[in-house]
Amino acid sequence: MSDLLKNIDARTKLAGTNKLEILMFTLGLDNRSGRRETYGINVFKVREVMRMPEITQSPDMPNAVEGMISLRGALVPVIDLPKFVGVQCDVKPSIMIVTEYNGHTQGFLVEAVDTILRLDWSSMRVPPEMLNAQTGGLVTAVTELPDSRLVMMLDVERVLSETGNFGDDELIAKSVQPLNISNRTVFFADDSSVARKQIEKTLNAMQVKYISAINGSRAWTELKKIADYAEASHIPVKDMIQVILTDVEMPEMDGYMLTRKIKQDKRFADIPVLMHSSLSSGSNQQLGKAIGVDEYVPKFEPQKLAQILVRLLSR
């Protein structure tokens, strides 16, 4: 299995091309549906795949958190993904995918890993409302394989938020202060409902207006409409929005491609792009800057997000 993950750092060359590579995995045969569904996770976030080690349980763990392991001297929480997703199967998961989000390392227990698939973000579709209702919004994107299987991308940020890995949103109200500057609007794009809510809470605490989109493609459509309206009204776009905040991983169009399009359109020349992502490695930050990103801030750190926004919105 380790062969699947060789040279992951080299895969960062895909950034800016609207392509990604996902590690496919299964959670087990669901007794209720009689189906074994296929899921995917961005290879950028995978550190390694291993057989499930011995897990140490501790009291008062959140639901679906099996316990923790010591991985090269670091304590790593282990999350049972089938249990979290609600897959009812007779066989316990035996494989652990070690992932890194925002500098946080955790293990996800799964039934099996399949292979690494390279595809275009444009082939990753926003899930239909019916699927969203069935999964509680846990699936952020869906793509179809040549063999007609559907691969679902889970909102891992939601998994981590609900299992206690990413801080307390109530801290936002205590630590984020109002901007005290009127007529400021932030446009942001993110496919994760958890991330969108935290951004909204941060901007509300700052008393800053905002416009949002659920992926890069829809963001670009809305941004072009705003630019067209500003052009027709003979006003600069920067009078309507002052900062564009974007996630990296989004179906249809990722944040790298969105940034590239924004920077190629002279109407947005004076508007900074702030990349907001759980892809926390230095290489990803460098790639963002290479395509024109003005600032980078990790997800789920609202104080840092507010600090950078204060600086950009005060210019």
C-alpha atoms as a PDB file:
ATOM      1  CA  MET A   1       0.000   0.000   0.000  1.00  0.00           C
ATOM      2  CA  SER A   2       2.866   2.362   0.656  1.00  0.00           C
ATOM      3  CA  ASP A   3       3.657   2.184  -3.078  1.00  0.00           C
ATOM      4  CA  LEU A   4       0.404   4.029  -3.705  1.00  0.00           C
ATOM      5  CA  LEU A   5       1.717   7.062  -1.883  1.00  0.00           C
ATOM      6  CA  LYS A   6       5.232   7.446  -3.284  1.00  0.00           C
ATOM      7  CA  ASN A   7       6.275  10.871  -4.460  1.00  0.00           C
ATOM      8  CA  ILE A   8       3.158  12.615  -3.157  1.00  0.00           C
ATOM      9  CA  ASP A   9       5.052  15.897  -2.944  1.00  0.00           C
ATOM     10  CA  ALA A  10       5.697  15.722  -6.686  1.00  0.00           C
ATOM     11  CA  ARG A  11       1.945  15.660  -7.247  1.00  0.00           C
ATOM     12  CA  THR A  12       1.709  19.291  -6.192  1.00  0.00           C
ATOM     13  CA  LYS A  13       2.580  20.140  -9.800  1.00  0.00           C
ATOM     14  CA  LEU A  14      -1.105  19.557 -10.524  1.00  0.00           C
ATOM     15  CA  ALA A  15      -1.962  22.812  -8.750  1.00  0.00           C
ATOM     16  CA  GLY A  16      -3.246  25.493 -11.094  1.00  0.00           C
ATOM     17  CA  THR A  17      -4.300  22.967 -13.732  1.00  0.00           C
ATOM     18  CA  ASN A  18      -7.699  22.249 -12.118  1.00  0.00           C
ATOM     19  CA  LYS A  19      -6.622  18.628 -11.663  1.00  0.00           C
ATOM     20  CA  LEU A  20      -6.272  16.485  -8.577  1.00  0.00           C
ATOM     21  CA  GLU A  21      -5.477  12.953  -7.516  1.00  0.00           C
ATOM     22  CA  ILE A  22      -7.637  11.083  -5.050  1.00  0.00           C
ATOM     23  CA  LEU A  23      -7.023   7.932  -3.060  1.00  0.00           C
ATOM     24  CA  MET A  24     -10.139   5.780  -3.373  1.00  0.00           C
ATOM     25  CA  PHE A  25     -11.348   3.655  -0.466  1.00  0.00           C
ATOM     26  CA  THR A  26     -14.366   1.704   0.774  1.00  0.00           C
ATOM     27  CA  LEU A  27     -16.053   1.628   4.172  1.00  0.00           C
ATOM     28  CA  GLY A  28     -17.651  -1.810   3.968  1.00  0.00           C
ATOM     29  CA  LEU A  29     -20.748  -3.637   2.744  1.00  0.00           C
ATOM     30  CA  ASP A  30     -23.725  -1.798   4.227  1.00  0.00           C
ATOM     31  CA  ASN A  31     -26.253  -4.262   5.627  1.00  0.00           C
ATOM     32  CA  ARG A  32     -29.108  -1.866   4.987  1.00  0.00           C
ATOM     33  CA  SER A  33     -28.493  -1.231   1.286  1.00  0.00           C
ATOM     34  CA  GLY A  34     -26.440  -4.289   0.333  1.00  0.00           C
ATOM     35  CA  ARG A  35     -23.999  -1.913  -1.394  1.00  0.00           C
ATOM     36  CA  ARG A  36     -20.325  -1.125  -0.968  1.00  0.00           C
ATOM     37  CA  GLU A  37     -19.813   2.539  -1.829  1.00  0.00           C
ATOM     38  CA  THR A  38     -16.559   4.118  -2.985  1.00  0.00           C
ATOM     39  CA  TYR A  39     -15.162   7.276  -1.420  1.00  0.00           C
ATOM     40  CA  GLY A  40     -12.181   9.464  -2.160  1.00  0.00           C
ATOM     41  CA  ILE A  41      -9.702  11.716  -0.368  1.00  0.00           C
ATOM     42  CA  ASN A  42      -7.250  14.195  -1.882  1.00  0.00           C
ATOM     43  CA  VAL A  43      -3.772  12.650  -2.035  1.00  0.00           C
ATOM     44  CA  PHE A  44      -2.329  15.996  -0.870  1.00  0.00           C
ATOM     45  CA  LYS A  45      -3.780  15.261   2.566  1.00  0.00           C
ATOM     46  CA  VAL A  46      -2.607  11.638   2.869  1.00  0.00           C
ATOM     47  CA  ARG A  47       0.606  10.958   4.771  1.00  0.00           C
ATOM     48  CA  GLU A  48       0.525   7.159   4.673  1.00  0.00           C
ATOM     49  CA  VAL A  49      -1.675   4.065   4.605  1.00  0.00           C
ATOM     50  CA  MET A  50      -1.142   1.248   7.085  1.00  0.00           C
ATOM     51  CA  ARG A  51      -2.729  -1.762   8.713  1.00  0.00           C
ATOM     52  CA  MET A  52      -4.801  -0.768  11.721  1.00  0.00           C
ATOM     53  CA  PRO A  53      -2.449  -0.666  14.723  1.00  0.00           C
ATOM     54  CA  GLU A  54      -3.397  -1.340  18.322  1.00  0.00           C
ATOM     55  CA  ILE A  55      -5.603   1.523  19.470  1.00  0.00           C
ATOM     56  CA  THR A  56      -5.659   2.862  23.018  1.00  0.00           C
ATOM     57  CA  GLN A  57      -9.120   3.853  24.157  1.00  0.00           C
ATOM     58  CA  SER A  58      -9.754   6.624  26.639  1.00  0.00           C
ATOM     59  CA  PRO A  59     -12.902   7.814  28.426  1.00  0.00           C
ATOM     60  CA  ASP A  60     -15.221  10.510  27.105  1.00  0.00           C
ATOM     61  CA  MET A  61     -14.123  10.209  23.491  1.00  0.00           C
ATOM     62  CA  PRO A  62     -16.492  11.813  20.920  1.00  0.00           C
ATOM     63  CA  ASN A  63     -18.707   9.449  18.952  1.00  0.00           C
ATOM     64  CA  ALA A  64     -16.838   7.524  16.207  1.00  0.00           C
ATOM     65  CA  VAL A  65     -13.443   8.295  17.770  1.00  0.00           C
ATOM     66  CA  GLU A  66     -12.005   4.860  18.497  1.00  0.00           C
ATOM     67  CA  GLY A  67      -9.099   6.138  20.581  1.00  0.00           C
ATOM     68  CA  MET A  68      -5.522   7.098  19.827  1.00  0.00           C
ATOM     69  CA  ILE A  69      -2.230   5.639  18.734  1.00  0.00           C
ATOM     70  CA  SER A  70       1.396   6.655  19.108  1.00  0.00           C
ATOM     71  CA  LEU A  71       2.809   7.279  15.644  1.00  0.00           C
ATOM     72  CA  ARG A  72       6.532   7.967  15.672  1.00  0.00           C
ATOM     73  CA  GLY A  73       6.228   9.590  19.058  1.00  0.00           C
ATOM     74  CA  ALA A  74       3.121  11.674  18.321  1.00  0.00           C
ATOM     75  CA  LEU A  75      -0.341  10.927  19.714  1.00  0.00           C
ATOM     76  CA  VAL A  76      -2.810  10.606  16.846  1.00  0.00           C
ATOM     77  CA  PRO A  77      -6.608  10.351  17.244  1.00  0.00           C
ATOM     78  CA  VAL A  78      -8.259   7.558  15.255  1.00  0.00           C
ATOM     79  CA  ILE A  79     -11.723   8.010  13.726  1.00  0.00           C
ATOM     80  CA  ASP A  80     -13.914   5.107  12.618  1.00  0.00           C
ATOM     81  CA  LEU A  81     -15.247   6.453   9.297  1.00  0.00           C
ATOM     82  CA  PRO A  82     -17.860   3.703   8.751  1.00  0.00           C
ATOM     83  CA  LYS A  83     -19.305   4.466  12.182  1.00  0.00           C
ATOM     84  CA  PHE A  84     -19.284   8.212  11.530  1.00  0.00           C
ATOM     85  CA  VAL A  85     -20.914   7.887   8.111  1.00  0.00           C
ATOM     86  CA  GLY A  86     -23.470   5.394   9.436  1.00  0.00           C
ATOM     87  CA  VAL A  87     -22.403   2.352   7.428  1.00  0.00           C
ATOM     88  CA  GLN A  88     -23.667  -0.760   9.208  1.00  0.00           C
ATOM     89  CA  CYS A  89     -21.406  -3.670   8.345  1.00  0.00           C
ATOM     90  CA  ASP A  90     -20.394  -6.948  10.000  1.00  0.00           C
ATOM     91  CA  VAL A  91     -16.661  -6.602   9.351  1.00  0.00           C
ATOM     92  CA  LYS A  92     -14.669  -4.034  11.284  1.00  0.00           C
ATOM     93  CA  PRO A  93     -12.331  -1.740   9.313  1.00  0.00           C
ATOM     94  CA  SER A  94      -8.736  -2.934   9.196  1.00  0.00           C
ATOM     95  CA  ILE A  95      -6.921  -0.182   7.259  1.00  0.00           C
ATOM     96  CA  MET A  96      -5.927   3.250   8.545  1.00  0.00           C
ATOM     97  CA  ILE A  97      -5.365   6.278   6.318  1.00  0.00           C
ATOM     98  CA  VAL A  98      -3.138   8.768   8.129  1.00  0.00           C
ATOM     99  CA  THR A  99      -4.050  12.298   7.066  1.00  0.00           C
ATOM    100  CA  GLU A 100      -2.943  15.839   7.786  1.00  0.00           C
ATOM    101  CA  TYR A 101      -5.273  18.825   7.884  1.00  0.00           C
ATOM    102  CA  ASN A 102      -4.078  22.234   9.075  1.00  0.00           C
ATOM    103  CA  GLY A 103      -1.102  20.644  10.771  1.00  0.00           C
ATOM    104  CA  HIS A 104      -3.410  18.236  12.631  1.00  0.00           C
ATOM    105  CA  THR A 105      -2.668  14.541  12.101  1.00  0.00           C
ATOM    106  CA  GLN A 106      -5.383  11.904  12.475  1.00  0.00           C
ATOM    107  CA  GLY A 107      -6.126   8.380  11.340  1.00  0.00           C
ATOM    108  CA  PHE A 108      -9.258   7.341   9.443  1.00  0.00           C
ATOM    109  CA  LEU A 109     -10.267   3.682   9.716  1.00  0.00           C
ATOM    110  CA  VAL A 110     -11.627   2.242   6.447  1.00  0.00           C
ATOM    111  CA  GLU A 111     -12.367  -1.203   5.034  1.00  0.00           C
ATOM    112  CA  ALA A 112      -9.850  -1.060   2.166  1.00  0.00           C
ATOM    113  CA  VAL A 113      -8.009   1.319  -0.143  1.00  0.00           C
ATOM    114  CA  ASP A 114      -8.307   0.926  -3.891  1.00  0.00           C
ATOM    115  CA  THR A 115      -6.019   3.018  -6.083  1.00  0.00           C
ATOM    116  CA  ILE A 116      -5.034   6.580  -6.860  1.00  0.00           C
ATOM    117  CA  LEU A 117      -7.126   8.223  -9.555  1.00  0.00           C
ATOM    118  CA  ARG A 118      -6.120  11.361 -11.448  1.00  0.00           C
ATOM    119  CA  LEU A 119      -8.995  13.473 -12.690  1.00  0.00           C
ATOM    120  CA  ASP A 120     -10.101  16.996 -13.413  1.00  0.00           C
ATOM    121  CA  TRP A 121     -11.982  19.067 -10.838  1.00  0.00           C
ATOM    122  CA  SER A 122     -14.488  19.835 -13.597  1.00  0.00           C
ATOM    123  CA  SER A 123     -15.554  16.174 -13.450  1.00  0.00           C
ATOM    124  CA  MET A 124     -16.274  16.522  -9.720  1.00  0.00           C
ATOM    125  CA  ARG A 125     -19.903  17.581  -9.452  1.00  0.00           C
ATOM    126  CA  VAL A 126     -21.826  19.194  -6.631  1.00  0.00           C
ATOM    127  CA  PRO A 127     -24.059  16.418  -5.222  1.00  0.00           C
ATOM    128  CA  PRO A 128     -27.796  16.650  -5.947  1.00  0.00           C
ATOM    129  CA  GLU A 129     -30.058  17.903  -3.183  1.00  0.00           C
ATOM    130  CA  MET A 130     -31.549  14.425  -2.686  1.00  0.00           C
ATOM    131  CA  LEU A 131     -28.110  12.989  -1.887  1.00  0.00           C
ATOM    132  CA  ASN A 132     -27.360  15.953   0.358  1.00  0.00           C
ATOM    133  CA  ALA A 133     -30.551  15.266   2.284  1.00  0.00           C
ATOM    134  CA  GLN A 134     -29.705  11.576   2.649  1.00  0.00           C
ATOM    135  CA  THR A 135     -26.142  12.162   3.827  1.00  0.00           C
ATOM    136  CA  GLY A 136     -26.808  15.285   5.865  1.00  0.00           C
ATOM    137  CA  GLY A 137     -24.509  17.307   3.609  1.00  0.00           C
ATOM    138  CA  LEU A 138     -21.551  15.037   4.355  1.00  0.00           C
ATOM    139  CA  VAL A 139     -20.688  14.561   0.651  1.00  0.00           C
ATOM    140  CA  THR A 140     -19.169  17.629  -1.031  1.00  0.00           C
ATOM    141  CA  ALA A 141     -18.520  16.251  -4.531  1.00  0.00           C
ATOM    142  CA  VAL A 142     -19.303  13.219  -6.698  1.00  0.00           C
ATOM    143  CA  THR A 143     -17.618  11.852  -9.827  1.00  0.00           C
ATOM    144  CA  GLU A 144     -18.409   8.874 -12.081  1.00  0.00           C
ATOM    145  CA  LEU A 145     -15.776   6.306 -12.997  1.00  0.00           C
ATOM    146  CA  PRO A 146     -15.570   4.602 -16.425  1.00  0.00           C
ATOM    147  CA  ASP A 147     -17.086   1.463 -14.848  1.00  0.00           C
ATOM    148  CA  SER A 148     -20.125   3.573 -13.783  1.00  0.00           C
ATOM    149  CA  ARG A 149     -19.196   3.555 -10.096  1.00  0.00           C
ATOM    150  CA  LEU A 150     -19.710   6.818  -8.264  1.00  0.00           C
ATOM    151  CA  VAL A 151     -16.925   8.132  -6.054  1.00  0.00           C
ATOM    152  CA  MET A 152     -17.983  10.450  -3.230  1.00  0.00           C
ATOM    153  CA  MET A 153     -15.725  13.031  -1.586  1.00  0.00           C
ATOM    154  CA  LEU A 154     -16.539  13.397   2.099  1.00  0.00           C
ATOM    155  CA  ASP A 155     -16.552  16.739   3.889  1.00  0.00           C
ATOM    156  CA  VAL A 156     -13.599  15.718   6.045  1.00  0.00           C
ATOM    157  CA  GLU A 157     -13.563  19.134   7.698  1.00  0.00           C
ATOM    158  CA  ARG A 158     -17.023  18.384   9.016  1.00  0.00           C
ATOM    159  CA  VAL A 159     -15.864  14.972  10.260  1.00  0.00           C
ATOM    160  CA  LEU A 160     -13.005  16.590  12.145  1.00  0.00           C
ATOM    161  CA  SER A 161     -15.196  19.374  13.488  1.00  0.00           C
ATOM    162  CA  GLU A 162     -17.823  16.978  14.831  1.00  0.00           C
ATOM    163  CA  THR A 163     -15.237  14.664  16.384  1.00  0.00           C
ATOM    164  CA  GLY A 164     -13.616  17.499  18.279  1.00  0.00           C
ATOM    165  CA  ASN A 165     -10.419  17.962  16.274  1.00  0.00           C
ATOM    166  CA  PHE A 166     -10.919  21.596  15.313  1.00  0.00           C
ATOM    167  CA  GLY A 167     -11.479  24.027  18.161  1.00  0.00           C
ATOM    168  CA  ASP A 168     -14.601  25.738  19.463  1.00  0.00           C
ATOM    169  CA  ASP A 169     -16.566  28.165  17.302  1.00  0.00           C
ATOM    170  CA  GLU A 170     -17.752  30.013  20.421  1.00  0.00           C
ATOM    171  CA  LEU A 171     -14.245  31.439  20.754  1.00  0.00           C
ATOM    172  CA  ILE A 172     -14.935  33.548  17.655  1.00  0.00           C
ATOM    173  CA  ALA A 173     -17.392  35.802  19.475  1.00  0.00           C
ATOM    174  CA  LYS A 174     -14.889  36.322  22.298  1.00  0.00           C
ATOM    175  CA  SER A 175     -11.720  36.864  20.266  1.00  0.00           C
ATOM    176  CA  VAL A 176     -12.817  38.582  17.029  1.00  0.00           C
ATOM    177  CA  GLN A 177     -13.514  42.306  17.228  1.00  0.00           C
ATOM    178  CA  PRO A 178     -15.617  44.521  14.906  1.00  0.00           C
ATOM    179  CA  LEU A 179     -13.706  46.110  12.032  1.00  0.00           C
ATOM    180  CA  ASN A 180     -15.260  49.561  12.629  1.00  0.00           C
ATOM    181  CA  ILE A 181     -14.937  50.449   8.945  1.00  0.00           C
ATOM    182  CA  SER A 182     -18.118  50.752   6.903  1.00  0.00           C
ATOM    183  CA  ASN A 183     -18.792  49.603   3.341  1.00  0.00           C
ATOM    184  CA  ARG A 184     -16.527  46.565   3.344  1.00  0.00           C
ATOM    185  CA  THR A 185     -17.555  43.329   1.600  1.00  0.00           C
ATOM    186  CA  VAL A 186     -15.743  39.991   1.376  1.00  0.00           C
ATOM    187  CA  PHE A 187     -16.524  37.460  -1.352  1.00  0.00           C
ATOM    188  CA  PHE A 188     -15.731  33.894  -0.310  1.00  0.00           C
ATOM    189  CA  ALA A 189     -15.934  30.422  -1.864  1.00  0.00           C
ATOM    190  CA  ASP A 190     -15.863  27.089  -0.006  1.00  0.00           C
ATOM    191  CA  ASP A 191     -17.523  23.728  -0.599  1.00  0.00           C
ATOM    192  CA  SER A 192     -17.549  22.707   3.089  1.00  0.00           C
ATOM    193  CA  SER A 193     -20.665  23.732   5.013  1.00  0.00           C
ATOM    194  CA  VAL A 194     -18.639  23.696   8.242  1.00  0.00           C
ATOM    195  CA  ALA A 195     -15.999  26.036   6.809  1.00  0.00           C
ATOM    196  CA  ARG A 196     -18.644  28.364   5.341  1.00  0.00           C
ATOM    197  CA  LYS A 197     -20.383  28.661   8.697  1.00  0.00           C
ATOM    198  CA  GLN A 198     -17.138  29.489  10.467  1.00  0.00           C
ATOM    199  CA  ILE A 199     -16.238  32.117   7.871  1.00  0.00           C
ATOM    200  CA  GLU A 200     -19.717  33.615   8.246  1.00  0.00           C
ATOM    201  CA  LYS A 201     -19.373  33.699  12.041  1.00  0.00           C
ATOM    202  CA  THR A 202     -15.997  35.402  11.753  1.00  0.00           C
ATOM    203  CA  LEU A 203     -17.278  38.027   9.305  1.00  0.00           C
ATOM    204  CA  ASN A 204     -20.415  38.598  11.378  1.00  0.00           C
ATOM    205  CA  ALA A 205     -18.245  39.172  14.462  1.00  0.00           C
ATOM    206  CA  MET A 206     -16.201  41.645  12.407  1.00  0.00           C
ATOM    207  CA  GLN A 207     -19.454  43.257  11.217  1.00  0.00           C
ATOM    208  CA  VAL A 208     -18.336  42.859   7.610  1.00  0.00           C
ATOM    209  CA  LYS A 209     -20.728  42.139   4.731  1.00  0.00           C
ATOM    210  CA  TYR A 210     -20.153  39.071   2.585  1.00  0.00           C
ATOM    211  CA  ILE A 211     -21.196  37.206  -0.559  1.00  0.00           C
ATOM    212  CA  SER A 212     -20.569  33.451  -0.793  1.00  0.00           C
ATOM    213  CA  ALA A 213     -20.399  30.587  -3.286  1.00  0.00           C
ATOM    214  CA  ILE A 214     -20.156  26.821  -2.796  1.00  0.00           C
ATOM    215  CA  ASN A 215     -17.339  26.218  -5.297  1.00  0.00           C
ATOM    216  CA  GLY A 216     -14.901  27.960  -7.617  1.00  0.00           C
ATOM    217  CA  SER A 217     -17.069  27.640 -10.713  1.00  0.00           C
ATOM    218  CA  ARG A 218     -20.057  29.332  -9.125  1.00  0.00           C
ATOM    219  CA  ALA A 219     -17.770  31.904  -7.525  1.00  0.00           C
ATOM    220  CA  TRP A 220     -16.312  32.830 -10.903  1.00  0.00           C
ATOM    221  CA  THR A 221     -19.801  33.137 -12.414  1.00  0.00           C
ATOM    222  CA  GLU A 222     -20.866  35.498  -9.625  1.00  0.00           C
ATOM    223  CA  LEU A 223     -17.633  37.485  -9.712  1.00  0.00           C
ATOM    224  CA  LYS A 224     -18.017  38.073 -13.457  1.00  0.00           C
ATOM    225  CA  LYS A 225     -21.579  39.304 -12.873  1.00  0.00           C
ATOM    226  CA  ILE A 226     -20.314  41.721 -10.231  1.00  0.00           C
ATOM    227  CA  ALA A 227     -17.549  42.938 -12.546  1.00  0.00           C
ATOM    228  CA  ASP A 228     -20.000  43.353 -15.446  1.00  0.00           C
ATOM    229  CA  TYR A 229     -22.366  45.359 -13.247  1.00  0.00           C
ATOM    230  CA  ALA A 230     -19.523  47.556 -11.983  1.00  0.00           C
ATOM    231  CA  GLU A 231     -18.330  48.133 -15.547  1.00  0.00           C
ATOM    232  CA  ALA A 232     -21.823  49.073 -16.719  1.00  0.00           C
ATOM    233  CA  SER A 233     -22.194  51.416 -13.733  1.00  0.00           C
ATOM    234  CA  HIS A 234     -18.776  53.012 -14.392  1.00  0.00           C
ATOM    235  CA  ILE A 235     -17.446  52.158 -10.944  1.00  0.00           C
ATOM    236  CA  PRO A 236     -14.404  50.033 -10.015  1.00  0.00           C
ATOM    237  CA  VAL A 237     -15.090  46.498  -8.839  1.00  0.00           C
ATOM    238  CA  LYS A 238     -13.104  47.247  -5.651  1.00  0.00           C
ATOM    239  CA  ASP A 239     -15.953  49.568  -4.602  1.00  0.00           C
ATOM    240  CA  MET A 240     -18.223  46.498  -4.445  1.00  0.00           C
ATOM    241  CA  ILE A 241     -15.890  43.858  -2.974  1.00  0.00           C
ATOM    242  CA  GLN A 242     -12.579  44.448  -1.224  1.00  0.00           C
ATOM    243  CA  VAL A 243     -11.256  40.907  -0.590  1.00  0.00           C
ATOM    244  CA  ILE A 244     -11.775  37.528  -2.284  1.00  0.00           C
ATOM    245  CA  LEU A 245     -11.367  34.540   0.027  1.00  0.00           C
ATOM    246  CA  THR A 246     -11.110  31.080  -1.524  1.00  0.00           C
ATOM    247  CA  ASP A 247     -10.710  27.473  -0.489  1.00  0.00           C
ATOM    248  CA  VAL A 248      -8.409  25.241  -2.544  1.00  0.00           C
ATOM    249  CA  GLU A 249     -10.347  21.970  -2.896  1.00  0.00           C
ATOM    250  CA  MET A 250     -13.701  22.569  -4.582  1.00  0.00           C
ATOM    251  CA  PRO A 251     -15.704  20.610  -7.183  1.00  0.00           C
ATOM    252  CA  GLU A 252     -15.944  21.895 -10.771  1.00  0.00           C
ATOM    253  CA  MET A 253     -13.214  24.531 -10.257  1.00  0.00           C
ATOM    254  CA  ASP A 254     -10.594  24.565  -7.513  1.00  0.00           C
ATOM    255  CA  GLY A 255      -9.191  27.607  -5.748  1.00  0.00           C
ATOM    256  CA  TYR A 256      -5.969  27.630  -7.771  1.00  0.00           C
ATOM    257  CA  MET A 257      -7.870  27.877 -11.050  1.00  0.00           C
ATOM    258  CA  LEU A 258     -10.262  30.469  -9.588  1.00  0.00           C
ATOM    259  CA  THR A 259      -7.292  32.578  -8.487  1.00  0.00           C
ATOM    260  CA  ARG A 260      -5.672  32.258 -11.915  1.00  0.00           C
ATOM    261  CA  LYS A 261      -8.861  33.523 -13.606  1.00  0.00           C
ATOM    262  CA  ILE A 262      -9.201  36.424 -11.156  1.00  0.00           C
ATOM    263  CA  LYS A 263      -5.593  37.502 -11.672  1.00  0.00           C
ATOM    264  CA  GLN A 264      -5.966  37.337 -15.459  1.00  0.00           C
ATOM    265  CA  ASP A 265      -8.973  39.699 -15.392  1.00  0.00           C
ATOM    266  CA  LYS A 266      -7.739  43.306 -15.056  1.00  0.00           C
ATOM    267  CA  ARG A 267     -11.032  44.382 -13.498  1.00  0.00           C
ATOM    268  CA  PHE A 268      -9.976  42.595 -10.271  1.00  0.00           C
ATOM    269  CA  ALA A 269      -6.435  44.023 -10.304  1.00  0.00           C
ATOM    270  CA  ASP A 270      -6.740  45.899  -6.993  1.00  0.00           C
ATOM    271  CA  ILE A 271      -8.559  43.168  -5.059  1.00  0.00           C
ATOM    272  CA  PRO A 272      -6.387  40.814  -2.953  1.00  0.00           C
ATOM    273  CA  VAL A 273      -7.029  37.069  -3.049  1.00  0.00           C
ATOM    274  CA  LEU A 274      -6.745  35.330   0.308  1.00  0.00           C
ATOM    275  CA  MET A 275      -6.366  31.538   0.131  1.00  0.00           C
ATOM    276  CA  HIS A 276      -8.070  29.759   3.031  1.00  0.00           C
ATOM    277  CA  SER A 277      -7.250  26.068   3.126  1.00  0.00           C
ATOM    278  CA  SER A 278      -6.637  23.012   5.289  1.00  0.00           C
ATOM    279  CA  LEU A 279      -3.814  22.063   2.894  1.00  0.00           C
ATOM    280  CA  SER A 280      -1.254  23.333   5.349  1.00  0.00           C
ATOM    281  CA  SER A 281       2.086  22.307   3.800  1.00  0.00           C
ATOM    282  CA  GLY A 282       4.588  24.941   2.741  1.00  0.00           C
ATOM    283  CA  SER A 283       4.580  23.589  -0.808  1.00  0.00           C
ATOM    284  CA  ASN A 284       0.878  24.326  -1.201  1.00  0.00           C
ATOM    285  CA  GLN A 285       1.356  27.861   0.070  1.00  0.00           C
ATOM    286  CA  GLN A 286       4.185  28.372  -2.412  1.00  0.00           C
ATOM    287  CA  LEU A 287       2.017  27.077  -5.244  1.00  0.00           C
ATOM    288  CA  GLY A 288      -0.713  29.514  -4.279  1.00  0.00           C
ATOM    289  CA  LYS A 289       1.696  32.427  -4.348  1.00  0.00           C
ATOM    290  CA  ALA A 290       3.085  31.257  -7.710  1.00  0.00           C
ATOM    291  CA  ILE A 291      -0.330  31.746  -9.329  1.00  0.00           C
ATOM    292  CA  GLY A 292      -0.938  35.115  -7.682  1.00  0.00           C
ATOM    293  CA  VAL A 293      -2.427  34.480  -4.234  1.00  0.00           C
ATOM    294  CA  ASP A 294      -1.765  37.545  -2.073  1.00  0.00           C
ATOM    295  CA  GLU A 295      -2.120  35.941   1.369  1.00  0.00           C
ATOM    296  CA  TYR A 296      -2.556  32.474   2.844  1.00  0.00           C
ATOM    297  CA  VAL A 297      -4.362  31.553   6.056  1.00  0.00           C
ATOM    298  CA  PRO A 298      -5.046  28.074   7.477  1.00  0.00           C
ATOM    299  CA  LYS A 299      -8.635  26.984   8.005  1.00  0.00           C
ATOM    300  CA  PHE A 300     -10.212  26.802  11.442  1.00  0.00           C
ATOM    301  CA  GLU A 301      -8.051  29.571  12.843  1.00  0.00           C
ATOM    302  CA  PRO A 302     -10.597  32.421  12.949  1.00  0.00           C
ATOM    303  CA  GLN A 303      -8.325  34.749  14.911  1.00  0.00           C
ATOM    304  CA  LYS A 304      -5.639  34.566  12.197  1.00  0.00           C
ATOM    305  CA  LEU A 305      -8.288  34.946   9.495  1.00  0.00           C
ATOM    306  CA  ALA A 306      -9.684  38.031  11.216  1.00  0.00           C
ATOM    307  CA  GLN A 307      -6.215  39.559  11.670  1.00  0.00           C
ATOM    308  CA  ILE A 308      -5.379  39.238   7.968  1.00  0.00           C
ATOM    309  CA  LEU A 309      -8.823  40.496   6.916  1.00  0.00           C
ATOM    310  CA  VAL A 310      -8.451  43.536   9.165  1.00  0.00           C
ATOM    311  CA  ARG A 311      -5.171  44.375   7.454  1.00  0.00           C
ATOM    312  CA  LEU A 312      -6.516  43.826   3.919  1.00  0.00           C
ATOM    313  CA  LEU A 313      -9.834  45.605   4.509  1.00  0.00           C
ATOM    314  CA  SER A 314      -8.131  48.577   6.161  1.00  0.00           C
ATOM    315  CA  ARG A 315      -5.974  49.346   3.128  1.00  0.00           C
END
